[in-house]
N, C-alpha and C. Protein backbone atom coordinates (compact mmCIF):
# COMPACT_ATOMS: atom_id res chain seq x y z
N MET A 1 4.79 5.38 -5.78
CA MET A 1 4.23 4.70 -4.00
C MET A 1 5.28 3.72 -4.12
N ARG A 2 5.70 3.33 -2.88
CA ARG A 2 6.56 2.48 -2.63
C ARG A 2 5.57 1.79 -1.15
N VAL A 3 5.99 0.00 -1.33
CA VAL A 3 5.32 -0.64 -0.35
C VAL A 3 6.33 -1.75 -0.23
N LEU A 4 6.66 -1.77 1.17
CA LEU A 4 7.46 -2.97 1.25
C LEU A 4 6.56 -3.79 2.24
N LEU A 5 6.37 -5.26 1.52
CA LEU A 5 5.49 -6.23 1.84
C LEU A 5 5.98 -7.11 2.40
N GLN A 6 5.76 -7.58 3.88
CA GLN A 6 5.91 -9.01 4.74
C GLN A 6 4.91 -9.99 4.71
N ARG A 7 4.95 -11.33 4.81
CA ARG A 7 4.10 -12.16 4.65
C ARG A 7 4.25 -12.52 5.81
N VAL A 8 3.41 -12.84 6.64
CA VAL A 8 3.26 -12.95 8.21
C VAL A 8 2.04 -13.98 8.86
N LYS A 9 2.63 -14.40 10.03
CA LYS A 9 1.81 -15.55 10.78
C LYS A 9 0.70 -14.53 11.49
N TRP A 10 1.24 -13.74 11.83
CA TRP A 10 0.45 -12.59 12.81
C TRP A 10 1.04 -11.23 13.24
N ALA A 11 0.13 -10.24 13.30
CA ALA A 11 1.23 -9.02 13.27
C ALA A 11 0.15 -8.08 13.57
N ARG A 12 0.65 -6.84 14.66
CA ARG A 12 -0.02 -5.87 15.36
C ARG A 12 0.64 -4.66 15.51
N VAL A 13 0.03 -3.67 15.46
CA VAL A 13 0.96 -2.55 15.48
C VAL A 13 -0.06 -1.49 16.73
N SER A 14 0.96 -0.84 17.42
CA SER A 14 0.64 -0.15 18.82
C SER A 14 1.16 1.46 18.72
N VAL A 15 0.02 2.05 19.59
CA VAL A 15 0.77 3.62 19.40
C VAL A 15 0.50 3.87 21.16
N GLY A 16 1.68 4.53 21.46
CA GLY A 16 1.87 4.20 23.40
C GLY A 16 0.97 3.26 24.24
N GLY A 17 1.57 2.18 23.72
CA GLY A 17 1.00 1.33 24.31
C GLY A 17 -0.21 0.63 23.86
N GLU A 18 -1.29 1.32 22.86
CA GLU A 18 -2.62 0.99 22.78
C GLU A 18 -2.61 0.29 21.19
N VAL A 19 -2.99 -0.96 21.31
CA VAL A 19 -3.35 -1.34 19.83
C VAL A 19 -3.83 -0.71 19.00
N THR A 20 -3.38 -0.53 17.67
CA THR A 20 -4.46 -0.03 16.89
C THR A 20 -4.87 -0.92 15.69
N GLY A 21 -4.07 -1.91 15.62
CA GLY A 21 -4.15 -2.39 14.43
C GLY A 21 -3.94 -3.74 14.49
N THR A 22 -4.73 -5.40 14.47
CA THR A 22 -3.99 -6.65 14.34
C THR A 22 -4.55 -7.35 12.95
N ILE A 23 -3.74 -8.14 12.62
CA ILE A 23 -4.49 -9.38 12.13
C ILE A 23 -3.70 -10.52 12.08
N GLU A 24 -4.19 -11.52 11.94
CA GLU A 24 -3.77 -13.01 11.51
C GLU A 24 -2.88 -13.02 10.57
N HIS A 25 -2.95 -14.25 10.20
CA HIS A 25 -2.24 -14.57 8.62
C HIS A 25 -2.23 -13.74 7.55
N GLY A 26 -1.37 -13.14 6.97
CA GLY A 26 -1.46 -12.10 5.56
C GLY A 26 -0.36 -11.54 5.33
N VAL A 27 -0.37 -10.17 5.43
CA VAL A 27 0.98 -9.16 5.17
C VAL A 27 0.88 -7.95 5.88
N VAL A 28 1.99 -7.77 6.13
CA VAL A 28 2.22 -6.22 6.68
C VAL A 28 2.43 -5.30 5.42
N ALA A 29 2.19 -4.67 5.13
CA ALA A 29 2.05 -3.38 4.17
C ALA A 29 2.49 -2.28 4.54
N LEU A 30 4.13 -1.79 4.78
CA LEU A 30 5.00 -0.57 5.12
C LEU A 30 4.50 0.34 3.57
N VAL A 31 3.70 1.73 3.54
CA VAL A 31 3.54 2.35 2.70
C VAL A 31 4.20 3.53 2.79
N GLY A 32 4.98 3.66 1.73
CA GLY A 32 5.38 4.90 1.70
C GLY A 32 4.58 5.90 0.56
N ILE A 33 4.19 7.07 0.74
CA ILE A 33 3.62 7.77 -0.64
C ILE A 33 4.99 9.06 -0.93
N GLY A 34 4.97 8.74 -2.34
CA GLY A 34 5.84 9.88 -3.31
C GLY A 34 5.24 11.03 -3.64
N LYS A 35 6.07 12.11 -4.08
CA LYS A 35 5.04 13.33 -4.30
C LYS A 35 4.13 13.20 -5.55
N ARG A 36 4.88 12.19 -6.32
CA ARG A 36 4.01 11.61 -7.45
C ARG A 36 3.06 10.94 -7.52
N ASP A 37 2.51 10.68 -6.47
CA ASP A 37 1.57 9.30 -6.09
C ASP A 37 0.26 10.25 -6.10
N ASP A 38 -0.94 9.44 -6.64
CA ASP A 38 -2.22 10.04 -6.28
C ASP A 38 -3.33 8.67 -6.21
N SER A 39 -4.47 8.88 -6.35
CA SER A 39 -5.42 7.62 -6.45
C SER A 39 -5.30 6.80 -7.31
N ASP A 40 -5.10 7.00 -8.68
CA ASP A 40 -4.46 5.63 -9.35
C ASP A 40 -3.34 5.12 -9.38
N SER A 41 -2.40 5.65 -8.53
CA SER A 41 -1.32 4.56 -8.28
C SER A 41 -1.64 3.62 -7.03
N VAL A 42 -2.53 4.44 -6.15
CA VAL A 42 -2.89 3.86 -4.79
C VAL A 42 -3.81 2.53 -5.56
N ARG A 43 -4.83 2.68 -6.16
CA ARG A 43 -5.73 1.20 -6.39
C ARG A 43 -4.52 0.58 -7.47
N ALA A 44 -3.84 0.79 -7.95
CA ALA A 44 -3.13 -0.11 -8.58
C ALA A 44 -2.22 -1.03 -7.81
N MET A 45 -1.76 -0.15 -6.83
CA MET A 45 -0.98 -0.95 -5.93
C MET A 45 -1.64 -2.26 -5.27
N VAL A 46 -2.95 -1.60 -4.57
CA VAL A 46 -3.72 -2.01 -4.17
C VAL A 46 -3.96 -3.80 -4.81
N LYS A 47 -4.60 -3.40 -6.08
CA LYS A 47 -4.45 -4.51 -7.20
C LYS A 47 -3.68 -5.55 -6.87
N LYS A 48 -2.23 -5.17 -7.18
CA LYS A 48 -1.00 -5.79 -7.06
C LYS A 48 -0.71 -6.43 -5.77
N VAL A 49 -0.88 -5.55 -4.58
CA VAL A 49 -0.55 -6.67 -3.41
C VAL A 49 -1.92 -7.79 -2.90
N ALA A 50 -3.17 -7.52 -3.72
CA ALA A 50 -4.47 -8.41 -3.26
C ALA A 50 -3.82 -9.54 -3.85
N HIS A 51 -3.62 -9.58 -5.11
CA HIS A 51 -3.21 -10.59 -6.20
C HIS A 51 -2.03 -11.09 -7.02
N LEU A 52 -0.85 -10.55 -5.74
CA LEU A 52 0.26 -11.42 -5.67
C LEU A 52 0.30 -12.68 -5.18
N ARG A 53 0.72 -13.80 -6.03
CA ARG A 53 1.06 -14.95 -5.63
C ARG A 53 1.86 -15.15 -4.73
N ILE A 54 1.69 -15.08 -3.56
CA ILE A 54 2.80 -15.04 -2.62
C ILE A 54 2.48 -16.09 -1.41
N PHE A 55 1.48 -17.27 -1.65
CA PHE A 55 1.22 -17.80 -0.15
C PHE A 55 1.25 -19.41 -0.94
N GLU A 56 1.57 -20.14 0.00
CA GLU A 56 1.92 -21.65 -0.80
C GLU A 56 0.43 -22.20 -0.94
N ASP A 57 0.56 -23.01 -1.98
CA ASP A 57 -0.65 -23.84 -2.07
C ASP A 57 -0.39 -25.43 -1.43
N LEU A 58 -0.95 -26.29 -1.85
CA LEU A 58 -0.81 -27.33 -0.93
C LEU A 58 0.43 -28.29 -1.62
N ASP A 59 1.09 -28.30 -2.58
CA ASP A 59 2.16 -28.35 -2.80
C ASP A 59 3.24 -27.57 -2.54
N GLU A 60 3.06 -26.60 -1.64
CA GLU A 60 4.47 -25.52 -1.23
C GLU A 60 5.11 -24.95 -2.06
N ARG A 61 4.07 -24.48 -3.08
CA ARG A 61 4.68 -23.30 -3.78
C ARG A 61 3.75 -21.99 -3.92
N MET A 62 4.40 -21.09 -3.81
CA MET A 62 3.71 -19.72 -3.88
C MET A 62 2.94 -19.51 -5.43
N ASN A 63 1.86 -20.41 -4.96
CA ASN A 63 0.54 -20.19 -5.90
C ASN A 63 -0.75 -19.24 -5.76
N ASN A 64 -1.06 -18.91 -4.37
CA ASN A 64 -2.10 -18.08 -3.98
C ASN A 64 -1.88 -17.07 -3.52
N SER A 65 -2.92 -16.16 -3.80
CA SER A 65 -3.05 -14.59 -3.42
C SER A 65 -3.52 -14.28 -2.17
N LEU A 66 -3.29 -13.50 -1.63
CA LEU A 66 -3.87 -12.63 -0.04
C LEU A 66 -5.45 -13.16 -0.31
N LEU A 67 -6.05 -12.71 -1.64
CA LEU A 67 -7.77 -12.91 -1.70
C LEU A 67 -7.76 -14.49 -1.47
N GLU A 68 -7.29 -15.20 -2.36
CA GLU A 68 -7.51 -16.61 -2.13
C GLU A 68 -6.99 -17.20 -0.77
N VAL A 69 -6.19 -16.74 0.42
CA VAL A 69 -6.43 -17.31 1.39
C VAL A 69 -6.91 -16.68 2.47
N GLY A 70 -7.40 -15.75 2.11
CA GLY A 70 -8.29 -15.01 3.07
C GLY A 70 -7.59 -14.10 4.00
N GLY A 71 -6.47 -13.46 3.58
CA GLY A 71 -5.23 -13.19 4.81
C GLY A 71 -6.03 -11.72 4.83
N GLY A 72 -5.65 -11.06 5.89
CA GLY A 72 -5.51 -9.64 6.50
C GLY A 72 -4.45 -8.99 5.84
N CYS A 73 -4.58 -7.66 5.87
CA CYS A 73 -3.38 -6.51 5.81
C CYS A 73 -3.04 -5.66 6.57
N LEU A 74 -2.27 -5.30 7.16
CA LEU A 74 -1.97 -4.53 7.93
C LEU A 74 -1.07 -3.58 7.74
N VAL A 75 -1.76 -2.29 7.57
CA VAL A 75 -1.17 -0.98 6.71
C VAL A 75 -0.39 -0.15 7.59
N VAL A 76 0.98 0.14 7.45
CA VAL A 76 1.21 1.30 9.04
C VAL A 76 2.26 2.26 7.77
N SER A 77 1.59 3.22 7.78
CA SER A 77 2.40 4.32 6.88
C SER A 77 4.07 4.48 7.18
N GLN A 78 4.60 4.44 6.69
CA GLN A 78 6.06 4.62 6.43
C GLN A 78 6.90 5.45 5.21
N PHE A 79 6.94 6.99 5.96
CA PHE A 79 7.59 7.87 4.67
C PHE A 79 9.09 7.56 4.40
N THR A 80 9.48 6.85 5.68
CA THR A 80 11.29 6.62 5.49
C THR A 80 11.40 5.87 4.46
N LEU A 81 10.45 5.43 3.35
CA LEU A 81 10.88 4.13 2.35
C LEU A 81 11.06 5.26 1.28
N PHE A 82 10.93 6.51 1.12
CA PHE A 82 11.48 7.48 0.24
C PHE A 82 12.84 7.98 0.86
N ALA A 83 13.38 7.69 1.98
CA ALA A 83 14.77 8.03 2.22
C ALA A 83 16.05 8.19 0.93
N ASP A 84 16.60 9.09 0.65
CA ASP A 84 17.82 9.22 -0.23
C ASP A 84 18.94 9.55 1.19
N CYS A 85 19.70 8.26 0.80
CA CYS A 85 20.92 8.13 1.64
C CYS A 85 22.06 8.22 1.11
N ASN A 86 22.21 8.55 -0.34
CA ASN A 86 23.48 8.62 -1.17
C ASN A 86 24.42 10.43 -0.59
N ARG A 87 24.01 11.04 0.19
CA ARG A 87 24.74 12.14 0.29
C ARG A 87 25.10 12.22 1.88
N GLY A 88 25.96 12.45 2.46
CA GLY A 88 26.42 12.71 3.89
C GLY A 88 25.69 11.32 4.59
N ARG A 89 25.28 11.52 6.03
CA ARG A 89 25.04 10.52 6.78
C ARG A 89 23.69 10.79 7.41
N ARG A 90 23.12 11.86 7.13
CA ARG A 90 21.28 12.01 7.14
C ARG A 90 20.68 11.78 6.16
N PRO A 91 19.69 11.01 6.42
CA PRO A 91 18.81 10.75 5.10
C PRO A 91 17.97 11.92 4.91
N SER A 92 17.76 12.01 3.53
CA SER A 92 16.88 13.17 3.16
C SER A 92 15.83 12.18 2.53
N PHE A 93 14.85 13.07 2.97
CA PHE A 93 12.98 12.96 2.65
C PHE A 93 12.38 13.34 1.27
N GLY A 94 13.13 14.26 0.72
CA GLY A 94 12.66 15.51 -0.30
C GLY A 94 11.48 14.46 -1.19
N ALA A 95 11.80 13.43 -1.51
CA ALA A 95 11.02 12.44 -2.21
C ALA A 95 9.46 12.08 -1.72
N ALA A 96 9.54 12.36 -0.61
CA ALA A 96 8.12 11.96 -0.02
C ALA A 96 7.29 12.78 -0.22
N GLY A 97 6.00 12.57 -0.05
CA GLY A 97 5.03 13.19 -0.11
C GLY A 97 4.57 13.77 0.86
N ALA A 98 3.59 14.93 0.81
CA ALA A 98 3.39 15.92 1.51
C ALA A 98 2.41 15.20 2.67
N PRO A 99 2.84 15.43 3.90
CA PRO A 99 1.81 14.62 4.71
C PRO A 99 0.33 14.54 5.20
N GLU A 100 -0.20 15.90 4.08
CA GLU A 100 -1.49 16.20 3.97
C GLU A 100 -2.02 15.27 2.98
N VAL A 101 -1.62 15.21 1.87
CA VAL A 101 -1.50 14.45 0.84
C VAL A 101 -1.69 12.94 1.10
N ALA A 102 -0.51 12.81 1.65
CA ALA A 102 -0.16 11.25 2.04
C ALA A 102 -0.96 10.39 3.16
N VAL A 103 -1.57 11.42 4.00
CA VAL A 103 -2.35 10.56 4.80
C VAL A 103 -3.57 10.55 4.04
N GLU A 104 -4.12 10.96 3.21
CA GLU A 104 -5.24 10.66 2.21
C GLU A 104 -5.25 9.25 1.64
N LEU A 105 -3.82 9.68 1.12
CA LEU A 105 -3.45 8.40 -0.21
C LEU A 105 -3.25 7.20 0.78
N CYS A 106 -2.53 7.47 2.37
CA CYS A 106 -2.57 5.78 2.67
C CYS A 106 -3.86 5.42 3.17
N ASN A 107 -4.62 6.23 3.78
CA ASN A 107 -6.10 5.72 4.11
C ASN A 107 -6.87 4.93 2.98
N LEU A 108 -6.63 5.77 1.81
CA LEU A 108 -7.41 4.98 0.60
C LEU A 108 -6.54 3.94 0.23
N PHE A 109 -5.73 3.37 0.52
CA PHE A 109 -5.17 2.58 0.16
C PHE A 109 -5.73 1.28 1.43
N ALA A 110 -5.96 1.72 2.42
CA ALA A 110 -6.47 0.85 3.69
C ALA A 110 -8.26 0.58 3.17
N GLU A 111 -8.74 1.36 2.46
CA GLU A 111 -10.20 1.56 2.29
C GLU A 111 -10.08 0.73 1.34
N GLU A 112 -9.49 0.77 0.10
CA GLU A 112 -9.48 0.07 -1.51
C GLU A 112 -9.27 -1.63 -0.92
N MET A 113 -8.50 -1.73 0.04
CA MET A 113 -8.02 -3.23 0.40
C MET A 113 -9.43 -3.67 1.03
N GLU A 114 -9.90 -2.64 1.92
CA GLU A 114 -11.03 -3.57 2.47
C GLU A 114 -12.51 -3.66 1.34
N ALA A 115 -12.51 -2.83 0.63
CA ALA A 115 -13.47 -2.69 -0.21
C ALA A 115 -13.82 -3.89 -1.22
N ILE A 116 -12.64 -4.49 -1.29
CA ILE A 116 -12.30 -5.88 -1.83
C ILE A 116 -12.20 -6.91 -1.17
N GLY A 117 -12.46 -6.81 0.38
CA GLY A 117 -12.39 -8.13 0.93
C GLY A 117 -11.60 -8.49 1.67
N VAL A 118 -10.72 -7.80 1.76
CA VAL A 118 -9.38 -7.84 2.82
C VAL A 118 -9.57 -7.41 4.15
N PRO A 119 -9.81 -8.13 5.26
CA PRO A 119 -9.64 -7.42 6.65
C PRO A 119 -8.35 -6.75 6.75
N VAL A 120 -8.30 -5.43 7.20
CA VAL A 120 -7.38 -4.45 7.47
C VAL A 120 -7.59 -4.01 8.82
N GLY A 121 -5.94 -4.19 9.44
CA GLY A 121 -5.74 -3.31 10.56
C GLY A 121 -4.95 -1.85 10.09
N ARG A 122 -4.85 -1.18 11.18
CA ARG A 122 -3.98 0.35 10.76
C ARG A 122 -2.95 0.78 11.75
N GLY A 123 -2.17 1.31 11.53
CA GLY A 123 -1.34 2.15 12.19
C GLY A 123 -1.97 3.29 12.26
N ARG A 124 -1.20 4.45 12.96
CA ARG A 124 -1.92 5.53 12.92
C ARG A 124 -0.31 6.86 12.41
N PHE A 125 -1.16 6.91 11.34
CA PHE A 125 -0.42 8.17 10.40
C PHE A 125 0.02 9.09 10.82
N GLY A 126 1.75 8.96 10.84
CA GLY A 126 2.57 10.32 11.91
C GLY A 126 3.12 9.87 13.33
N ALA A 127 2.20 8.76 13.85
CA ALA A 127 2.68 8.59 15.16
C ALA A 127 4.01 7.77 15.25
N MET A 128 4.62 7.70 16.50
CA MET A 128 5.37 6.67 16.62
C MET A 128 4.87 5.17 16.98
N MET A 129 5.03 4.30 16.03
CA MET A 129 4.65 2.89 16.15
C MET A 129 5.45 1.84 16.67
N GLU A 130 4.71 0.96 16.95
CA GLU A 130 5.64 -0.14 17.68
C GLU A 130 5.03 -1.48 16.51
N VAL A 131 5.68 -1.70 15.64
CA VAL A 131 5.03 -3.14 15.05
C VAL A 131 5.78 -4.28 15.36
N GLU A 132 4.80 -5.08 15.69
CA GLU A 132 5.24 -6.73 15.97
C GLU A 132 4.79 -7.65 15.07
N LEU A 133 5.46 -8.34 14.45
CA LEU A 133 5.02 -9.23 13.51
C LEU A 133 6.20 -10.52 13.72
N CYS A 134 5.36 -12.00 13.05
CA CYS A 134 5.66 -13.21 13.10
C CYS A 134 6.12 -13.24 11.28
N ASN A 135 7.03 -13.17 10.71
CA ASN A 135 7.42 -13.42 9.52
C ASN A 135 7.50 -14.78 9.31
N ASP A 136 6.62 -14.94 8.01
CA ASP A 136 6.19 -16.26 7.57
C ASP A 136 6.74 -16.53 6.45
N GLY A 137 7.91 -17.25 6.13
CA GLY A 137 8.81 -17.74 5.33
C GLY A 137 10.27 -17.48 5.84
N PRO A 138 10.93 -16.36 5.98
CA PRO A 138 10.31 -15.27 5.72
C PRO A 138 10.08 -14.77 3.98
N VAL A 139 9.08 -14.25 3.82
CA VAL A 139 8.79 -13.44 2.38
C VAL A 139 8.41 -11.87 2.64
N THR A 140 9.41 -11.18 1.96
CA THR A 140 10.00 -9.73 1.97
C THR A 140 9.77 -9.28 0.77
N LEU A 141 8.91 -8.42 0.08
CA LEU A 141 8.84 -7.84 -1.25
C LEU A 141 9.02 -6.49 -1.26
N TRP A 142 9.52 -5.70 -2.34
CA TRP A 142 9.86 -4.36 -2.61
C TRP A 142 9.22 -4.21 -3.57
N LEU A 143 8.16 -3.38 -3.45
CA LEU A 143 6.92 -2.83 -4.82
C LEU A 143 6.97 -1.20 -4.93
N ASP A 144 7.33 -1.05 -5.99
CA ASP A 144 7.31 0.36 -6.23
C ASP A 144 6.80 0.49 -7.58
N SER A 145 5.66 1.75 -7.43
CA SER A 145 4.95 2.03 -8.36
C SER A 145 5.56 2.29 -9.85
N GLU A 146 6.59 2.76 -9.64
CA GLU A 146 7.45 3.59 -10.49
C GLU A 146 8.41 2.73 -11.39
N ALA A 147 8.60 1.36 -10.82
CA ALA A 147 9.37 0.71 -11.26
C ALA A 147 8.94 -0.35 -12.52
């Protein structure tokens, strides 16, 4: 499982002009599901995202987690995080999980975030989405369950 995490002041995702998810202060999680991912890798990643100390404390040091600041999480499926661009000019997506599995695991990621008290906004799996955000920092982190 791969997550590209961006700390944001606000974010929203739209499909066909309709806003499907929005958050205030928090993180945008671009979520890619790989062939070897399962519910255990999703739950481990949820814990990692929720507890990463990437928000500033009163001394302007990154000491607070998403849970500690009461931030939200905008979850956007992103199979292109598994692109292999090593050969030729067209990316290969052979390492990405099958859509019928990936949709379930992406939904589980959002549900588990909600279950621990994080407000969640969502994109729409498989749709062409427009993601708007205001980076905070900017702080952008690459998380890989196999790293």
